[in-house]
Amino acid sequence: MTDHRDPVDARLAELFGAWRAEIDEVPLPSLVDPLRAVDVVIEATAGFGKGGGRVHAPPDGAGTRPPGVAREDTF
């Protein structure tokens, strides 16, 4: 059976295959510790189910106001 593939496509597939094999040879260390990540998420969302909506209170002077309260100086 003859190969009817384009020689350029065949060479490109060969190059990508060699590159993939080279990449797979070197193990990549984990970028995130899964156990630590779970702990951080649990800690950050601890107050959400108990009527709290914020993880941390805003700093003094942050300019926050309740929803629906418009600034008087905008008109």
PDB file of N, CA and C in Angstrom:
ATOM      1  N   MET A   1       0.848  -1.171   0.000  1.00  0.00           N
ATOM      2  CA  MET A   1       0.000   0.000   0.000  1.00  0.00           C
ATOM      3  C   MET A   1       0.892   1.232   0.000  1.00  0.00           C
ATOM      4  N   THR A   2       0.577   2.199  -0.820  1.00  0.00           N
ATOM      5  CA  THR A   2       1.391   3.407  -0.907  1.00  0.00           C
ATOM      6  C   THR A   2       0.871   4.458   0.053  1.00  0.00           C
ATOM      7  N   ASP A   3       1.793   5.284   0.507  1.00  0.00           N
ATOM      8  CA  ASP A   3       1.443   6.369   1.427  1.00  0.00           C
ATOM      9  C   ASP A   3       1.108   7.609   0.596  1.00  0.00           C
ATOM     10  N   HIS A   4      -0.129   8.093   0.699  1.00  0.00           N
ATOM     11  CA  HIS A   4      -0.563   9.237  -0.092  1.00  0.00           C
ATOM     12  C   HIS A   4      -0.536  10.544   0.706  1.00  0.00           C
ATOM     13  N   ARG A   5       0.118  10.526   1.862  1.00  0.00           N
ATOM     14  CA  ARG A   5       0.181  11.758   2.655  1.00  0.00           C
ATOM     15  C   ARG A   5       1.140  12.753   2.025  1.00  0.00           C
ATOM     16  N   ASP A   6       0.868  14.001   2.272  1.00  0.00           N
ATOM     17  CA  ASP A   6       1.748  15.077   1.831  1.00  0.00           C
ATOM     18  C   ASP A   6       3.055  14.966   2.615  1.00  0.00           C
ATOM     19  N   PRO A   7       4.220  15.035   1.953  1.00  0.00           N
ATOM     20  CA  PRO A   7       5.496  14.913   2.662  1.00  0.00           C
ATOM     21  C   PRO A   7       5.690  15.985   3.730  1.00  0.00           C
ATOM     22  N   VAL A   8       5.145  17.160   3.490  1.00  0.00           N
ATOM     23  CA  VAL A   8       5.256  18.234   4.491  1.00  0.00           C
ATOM     24  C   VAL A   8       4.458  17.857   5.733  1.00  0.00           C
ATOM     25  N   ASP A   9       3.255  17.346   5.551  1.00  0.00           N
ATOM     26  CA  ASP A   9       2.442  16.910   6.689  1.00  0.00           C
ATOM     27  C   ASP A   9       3.108  15.771   7.438  1.00  0.00           C
ATOM     28  N   ALA A  10       3.713  14.850   6.714  1.00  0.00           N
ATOM     29  CA  ALA A  10       4.394  13.724   7.348  1.00  0.00           C
ATOM     30  C   ALA A  10       5.578  14.213   8.176  1.00  0.00           C
ATOM     31  N   ARG A  11       6.343  15.161   7.636  1.00  0.00           N
ATOM     32  CA  ARG A  11       7.500  15.701   8.357  1.00  0.00           C
ATOM     33  C   ARG A  11       7.039  16.478   9.595  1.00  0.00           C
ATOM     34  N   LEU A  12       5.973  17.236   9.458  1.00  0.00           N
ATOM     35  CA  LEU A  12       5.442  17.985  10.596  1.00  0.00           C
ATOM     36  C   LEU A  12       4.967  17.038  11.690  1.00  0.00           C
ATOM     37  N   ALA A  13       4.276  15.972  11.317  1.00  0.00           N
ATOM     38  CA  ALA A  13       3.832  14.978  12.290  1.00  0.00           C
ATOM     39  C   ALA A  13       5.028  14.323  12.969  1.00  0.00           C
ATOM     40  N   GLU A  14       6.084  14.077  12.218  1.00  0.00           N
ATOM     41  CA  GLU A  14       7.303  13.491  12.785  1.00  0.00           C
ATOM     42  C   GLU A  14       7.949  14.442  13.790  1.00  0.00           C
ATOM     43  N   LEU A  15       8.016  15.729  13.440  1.00  0.00           N
ATOM     44  CA  LEU A  15       8.598  16.723  14.348  1.00  0.00           C
ATOM     45  C   LEU A  15       7.785  16.864  15.627  1.00  0.00           C
ATOM     46  N   PHE A  16       6.458  16.937  15.485  1.00  0.00           N
ATOM     47  CA  PHE A  16       5.607  17.049  16.672  1.00  0.00           C
ATOM     48  C   PHE A  16       5.689  15.794  17.536  1.00  0.00           C
ATOM     49  N   GLY A  17       5.784  14.638  16.900  1.00  0.00           N
ATOM     50  CA  GLY A  17       5.920  13.391  17.650  1.00  0.00           C
ATOM     51  C   GLY A  17       7.213  13.350  18.442  1.00  0.00           C
ATOM     52  N   ALA A  18       8.306  13.803  17.817  1.00  0.00           N
ATOM     53  CA  ALA A  18       9.598  13.844  18.516  1.00  0.00           C
ATOM     54  C   ALA A  18       9.571  14.848  19.655  1.00  0.00           C
ATOM     55  N   TRP A  19       8.927  16.004  19.413  1.00  0.00           N
ATOM     56  CA  TRP A  19       8.817  17.028  20.455  1.00  0.00           C
ATOM     57  C   TRP A  19       8.001  16.497  21.625  1.00  0.00           C
ATOM     58  N   ARG A  20       6.903  15.824  21.334  1.00  0.00           N
ATOM     59  CA  ARG A  20       6.053  15.270  22.386  1.00  0.00           C
ATOM     60  C   ARG A  20       6.815  14.223  23.205  1.00  0.00           C
ATOM     61  N   ALA A  21       7.579  13.369  22.542  1.00  0.00           N
ATOM     62  CA  ALA A  21       8.365  12.354  23.247  1.00  0.00           C
ATOM     63  C   ALA A  21       9.399  13.006  24.152  1.00  0.00           C
ATOM     64  N   GLU A  22      10.013  14.090  23.677  1.00  0.00           N
ATOM     65  CA  GLU A  22      11.009  14.802  24.476  1.00  0.00           C
ATOM     66  C   GLU A  22      10.363  15.449  25.699  1.00  0.00           C
ATOM     67  N   ILE A  23       9.199  16.030  25.511  1.00  0.00           N
ATOM     68  CA  ILE A  23       8.482  16.668  26.625  1.00  0.00           C
ATOM     69  C   ILE A  23       8.065  15.621  27.655  1.00  0.00           C
ATOM     70  N   ASP A  24       7.593  14.471  27.190  1.00  0.00           N
ATOM     71  CA  ASP A  24       7.126  13.420  28.099  1.00  0.00           C
ATOM     72  C   ASP A  24       8.264  12.793  28.909  1.00  0.00           C
ATOM     73  N   GLU A  25       9.509  12.931  28.448  1.00  0.00           N
ATOM     74  CA  GLU A  25      10.642  12.354  29.159  1.00  0.00           C
ATOM     75  C   GLU A  25      10.920  13.054  30.490  1.00  0.00           C
ATOM     76  N   VAL A  26      10.645  14.350  30.560  1.00  0.00           N
ATOM     77  CA  VAL A  26      10.951  15.130  31.752  1.00  0.00           C
ATOM     78  C   VAL A  26       9.670  15.311  32.564  1.00  0.00           C
ATOM     79  N   PRO A  27       9.629  14.777  33.791  1.00  0.00           N
ATOM     80  CA  PRO A  27       8.417  14.941  34.599  1.00  0.00           C
ATOM     81  C   PRO A  27       8.250  16.393  35.050  1.00  0.00           C
ATOM     82  N   LEU A  28       7.039  16.847  35.040  1.00  0.00           N
ATOM     83  CA  LEU A  28       6.715  18.202  35.464  1.00  0.00           C
ATOM     84  C   LEU A  28       6.230  18.155  36.904  1.00  0.00           C
ATOM     85  N   PRO A  29       6.887  18.883  37.795  1.00  0.00           N
ATOM     86  CA  PRO A  29       6.428  18.872  39.182  1.00  0.00           C
ATOM     87  C   PRO A  29       5.067  19.555  39.309  1.00  0.00           C
ATOM     88  N   SER A  30       4.348  19.203  40.327  1.00  0.00           N
ATOM     89  CA  SER A  30       3.039  19.790  40.565  1.00  0.00           C
ATOM     90  C   SER A  30       3.199  21.277  40.871  1.00  0.00           C
ATOM     91  N   LEU A  31       2.396  22.109  40.230  1.00  0.00           N
ATOM     92  CA  LEU A  31       2.471  23.545  40.450  1.00  0.00           C
ATOM     93  C   LEU A  31       1.691  23.975  41.688  1.00  0.00           C
ATOM     94  N   VAL A  32       0.706  23.187  42.068  1.00  0.00           N
ATOM     95  CA  VAL A  32      -0.131  23.502  43.222  1.00  0.00           C
ATOM     96  C   VAL A  32      -0.242  22.255  44.083  1.00  0.00           C
ATOM     97  N   ASP A  33      -0.078  22.434  45.380  1.00  0.00           N
ATOM     98  CA  ASP A  33      -0.269  21.330  46.305  1.00  0.00           C
ATOM     99  C   ASP A  33      -1.776  21.161  46.508  1.00  0.00           C
ATOM    100  N   PRO A  34      -2.370  20.066  46.042  1.00  0.00           N
ATOM    101  CA  PRO A  34      -3.829  19.914  46.115  1.00  0.00           C
ATOM    102  C   PRO A  34      -4.379  19.984  47.535  1.00  0.00           C
ATOM    103  N   LEU A  35      -3.694  19.408  48.504  1.00  0.00           N
ATOM    104  CA  LEU A  35      -4.192  19.446  49.874  1.00  0.00           C
ATOM    105  C   LEU A  35      -4.190  20.867  50.430  1.00  0.00           C
ATOM    106  N   ARG A  36      -3.145  21.622  50.153  1.00  0.00           N
ATOM    107  CA  ARG A  36      -3.083  23.017  50.603  1.00  0.00           C
ATOM    108  C   ARG A  36      -4.152  23.849  49.899  1.00  0.00           C
ATOM    109  N   ALA A  37      -4.392  23.586  48.617  1.00  0.00           N
ATOM    110  CA  ALA A  37      -5.403  24.329  47.874  1.00  0.00           C
ATOM    111  C   ALA A  37      -6.793  24.101  48.468  1.00  0.00           C
ATOM    112  N   VAL A  38      -7.093  22.880  48.845  1.00  0.00           N
ATOM    113  CA  VAL A  38      -8.394  22.582  49.461  1.00  0.00           C
ATOM    114  C   VAL A  38      -8.524  23.326  50.781  1.00  0.00           C
ATOM    115  N   ASP A  39      -7.468  23.328  51.585  1.00  0.00           N
ATOM    116  CA  ASP A  39      -7.506  24.046  52.860  1.00  0.00           C
ATOM    117  C   ASP A  39      -7.758  25.541  52.663  1.00  0.00           C
ATOM    118  N   VAL A  40      -7.117  26.131  51.664  1.00  0.00           N
ATOM    119  CA  VAL A  40      -7.286  27.560  51.400  1.00  0.00           C
ATOM    120  C   VAL A  40      -8.721  27.863  50.974  1.00  0.00           C
ATOM    121  N   VAL A  41      -9.289  27.029  50.113  1.00  0.00           N
ATOM    122  CA  VAL A  41     -10.670  27.261  49.659  1.00  0.00           C
ATOM    123  C   VAL A  41     -11.647  27.107  50.812  1.00  0.00           C
ATOM    124  N   ILE A  42     -11.463  26.094  51.636  1.00  0.00           N
ATOM    125  CA  ILE A  42     -12.352  25.898  52.787  1.00  0.00           C
ATOM    126  C   ILE A  42     -12.260  27.088  53.733  1.00  0.00           C
ATOM    127  N   GLU A  43     -11.064  27.549  53.999  1.00  0.00           N
ATOM    128  CA  GLU A  43     -10.880  28.694  54.893  1.00  0.00           C
ATOM    129  C   GLU A  43     -11.507  29.958  54.306  1.00  0.00           C
ATOM    130  N   ALA A  44     -11.341  30.168  53.014  1.00  0.00           N
ATOM    131  CA  ALA A  44     -11.850  31.380  52.377  1.00  0.00           C
ATOM    132  C   ALA A  44     -13.369  31.399  52.296  1.00  0.00           C
ATOM    133  N   THR A  45     -14.005  30.245  52.209  1.00  0.00           N
ATOM    134  CA  THR A  45     -15.458  30.199  52.057  1.00  0.00           C
ATOM    135  C   THR A  45     -16.177  29.824  53.348  1.00  0.00           C
ATOM    136  N   ALA A  46     -15.495  29.862  54.467  1.00  0.00           N
ATOM    137  CA  ALA A  46     -16.072  29.417  55.735  1.00  0.00           C
ATOM    138  C   ALA A  46     -17.306  30.220  56.130  1.00  0.00           C
ATOM    139  N   GLY A  47     -17.366  31.511  55.844  1.00  0.00           N
ATOM    140  CA  GLY A  47     -18.489  32.330  56.286  1.00  0.00           C
ATOM    141  C   GLY A  47     -19.623  32.433  55.299  1.00  0.00           C
ATOM    142  N   PHE A  48     -19.511  31.848  54.113  1.00  0.00           N
ATOM    143  CA  PHE A  48     -20.532  32.040  53.097  1.00  0.00           C
ATOM    144  C   PHE A  48     -21.872  31.396  53.447  1.00  0.00           C
ATOM    145  N   GLY A  49     -21.888  30.273  54.117  1.00  0.00           N
ATOM    146  CA  GLY A  49     -23.138  29.587  54.396  1.00  0.00           C
ATOM    147  C   GLY A  49     -23.821  30.047  55.665  1.00  0.00           C
ATOM    148  N   LYS A  50     -23.238  31.000  56.378  1.00  0.00           N
ATOM    149  CA  LYS A  50     -23.778  31.423  57.669  1.00  0.00           C
ATOM    150  C   LYS A  50     -24.240  32.876  57.646  1.00  0.00           C
ATOM    151  N   GLY A  51     -24.719  33.334  56.507  1.00  0.00           N
ATOM    152  CA  GLY A  51     -25.203  34.706  56.413  1.00  0.00           C
ATOM    153  C   GLY A  51     -24.112  35.697  56.065  1.00  0.00           C
ATOM    154  N   GLY A  52     -22.889  35.271  56.054  1.00  0.00           N
ATOM    155  CA  GLY A  52     -21.794  36.164  55.703  1.00  0.00           C
ATOM    156  C   GLY A  52     -21.594  36.169  54.202  1.00  0.00           C
ATOM    157  N   GLY A  53     -21.177  37.284  53.657  1.00  0.00           N
ATOM    158  CA  GLY A  53     -20.944  37.352  52.233  1.00  0.00           C
ATOM    159  C   GLY A  53     -19.519  37.722  51.897  1.00  0.00           C
ATOM    160  N   ARG A  54     -18.791  38.135  52.914  1.00  0.00           N
ATOM    161  CA  ARG A  54     -17.417  38.565  52.678  1.00  0.00           C
ATOM    162  C   ARG A  54     -16.462  37.646  53.415  1.00  0.00           C
ATOM    163  N   VAL A  55     -15.309  37.458  52.829  1.00  0.00           N
ATOM    164  CA  VAL A  55     -14.271  36.710  53.509  1.00  0.00           C
ATOM    165  C   VAL A  55     -13.607  37.610  54.527  1.00  0.00           C
ATOM    166  N   HIS A  56     -13.368  38.866  54.142  1.00  0.00           N
ATOM    167  CA  HIS A  56     -12.758  39.850  55.025  1.00  0.00           C
ATOM    168  C   HIS A  56     -13.578  41.135  54.958  1.00  0.00           C
ATOM    169  N   ALA A  57     -13.642  41.849  56.051  1.00  0.00           N
ATOM    170  CA  ALA A  57     -14.329  43.136  56.059  1.00  0.00           C
ATOM    171  C   ALA A  57     -13.514  44.137  55.239  1.00  0.00           C
ATOM    172  N   PRO A  58     -14.178  45.105  54.595  1.00  0.00           N
ATOM    173  CA  PRO A  58     -13.424  46.094  53.828  1.00  0.00           C
ATOM    174  C   PRO A  58     -12.625  46.991  54.770  1.00  0.00           C
ATOM    175  N   PRO A  59     -11.505  47.515  54.301  1.00  0.00           N
ATOM    176  CA  PRO A  59     -10.725  48.416  55.146  1.00  0.00           C
ATOM    177  C   PRO A  59     -11.488  49.716  55.370  1.00  0.00           C
ATOM    178  N   ASP A  60     -11.166  50.420  56.450  1.00  0.00           N
ATOM    179  CA  ASP A  60     -11.810  51.712  56.724  1.00  0.00           C
ATOM    180  C   ASP A  60     -11.569  52.657  55.561  1.00  0.00           C
ATOM    181  N   GLY A  61     -12.604  53.409  55.202  1.00  0.00           N
ATOM    182  CA  GLY A  61     -12.473  54.368  54.123  1.00  0.00           C
ATOM    183  C   GLY A  61     -12.527  53.747  52.737  1.00  0.00           C
ATOM    184  N   ALA A  62     -13.023  52.525  52.630  1.00  0.00           N
ATOM    185  CA  ALA A  62     -13.064  51.864  51.330  1.00  0.00           C
ATOM    186  C   ALA A  62     -14.164  52.427  50.442  1.00  0.00           C
ATOM    187  N   GLY A  63     -15.071  53.213  51.018  1.00  0.00           N
ATOM    188  CA  GLY A  63     -16.117  53.820  50.208  1.00  0.00           C
ATOM    189  C   GLY A  63     -17.222  52.845  49.830  1.00  0.00           C
ATOM    190  N   THR A  64     -17.399  51.786  50.587  1.00  0.00           N
ATOM    191  CA  THR A  64     -18.469  50.846  50.271  1.00  0.00           C
ATOM    192  C   THR A  64     -19.772  51.336  50.878  1.00  0.00           C
ATOM    193  N   ARG A  65     -20.875  50.991  50.247  1.00  0.00           N
ATOM    194  CA  ARG A  65     -22.198  51.368  50.741  1.00  0.00           C
ATOM    195  C   ARG A  65     -23.177  50.271  50.376  1.00  0.00           C
ATOM    196  N   PRO A  66     -24.295  50.215  51.055  1.00  0.00           N
ATOM    197  CA  PRO A  66     -25.280  49.161  50.766  1.00  0.00           C
ATOM    198  C   PRO A  66     -25.798  49.275  49.332  1.00  0.00           C
ATOM    199  N   PRO A  67     -26.237  48.165  48.739  1.00  0.00           N
ATOM    200  CA  PRO A  67     -26.801  48.208  47.378  1.00  0.00           C
ATOM    201  C   PRO A  67     -27.988  49.140  47.302  1.00  0.00           C
ATOM    202  N   GLY A  68     -28.094  49.904  46.232  1.00  0.00           N
ATOM    203  CA  GLY A  68     -29.224  50.790  46.022  1.00  0.00           C
ATOM    204  C   GLY A  68     -29.017  52.185  46.592  1.00  0.00           C
ATOM    205  N   VAL A  69     -27.967  52.409  47.322  1.00  0.00           N
ATOM    206  CA  VAL A  69     -27.725  53.739  47.889  1.00  0.00           C
ATOM    207  C   VAL A  69     -26.812  54.486  46.928  1.00  0.00           C
ATOM    208  N   ALA A  70     -27.355  55.525  46.310  1.00  0.00           N
ATOM    209  CA  ALA A  70     -26.577  56.278  45.327  1.00  0.00           C
ATOM    210  C   ALA A  70     -25.784  57.389  46.024  1.00  0.00           C
ATOM    211  N   ARG A  71     -24.725  57.800  45.392  1.00  0.00           N
ATOM    212  CA  ARG A  71     -23.952  58.930  45.910  1.00  0.00           C
ATOM    213  C   ARG A  71     -24.727  60.201  45.638  1.00  0.00           C
ATOM    214  N   GLU A  72     -24.646  61.122  46.584  1.00  0.00           N
ATOM    215  CA  GLU A  72     -25.351  62.391  46.407  1.00  0.00           C
ATOM    216  C   GLU A  72     -24.568  63.317  45.507  1.00  0.00           C
ATOM    217  N   ASP A  73     -23.274  63.128  45.398  1.00  0.00           N
ATOM    218  CA  ASP A  73     -22.447  64.039  44.605  1.00  0.00           C
ATOM    219  C   ASP A  73     -22.400  63.684  43.113  1.00  0.00           C
ATOM    220  N   THR A  74     -23.182  62.676  42.680  1.00  0.00           N
ATOM    221  CA  THR A  74     -23.136  62.274  41.274  1.00  0.00           C
ATOM    222  C   THR A  74     -24.067  63.094  40.408  1.00  0.00           C
ATOM    223  N   PHE A  75     -24.956  63.874  40.998  1.00  0.00           N
ATOM    224  CA  PHE A  75     -25.914  64.641  40.186  1.00  0.00           C
ATOM    225  C   PHE A  75     -25.514  66.066  40.042  1.00  0.00           C
TER     226      PHE A  75
END
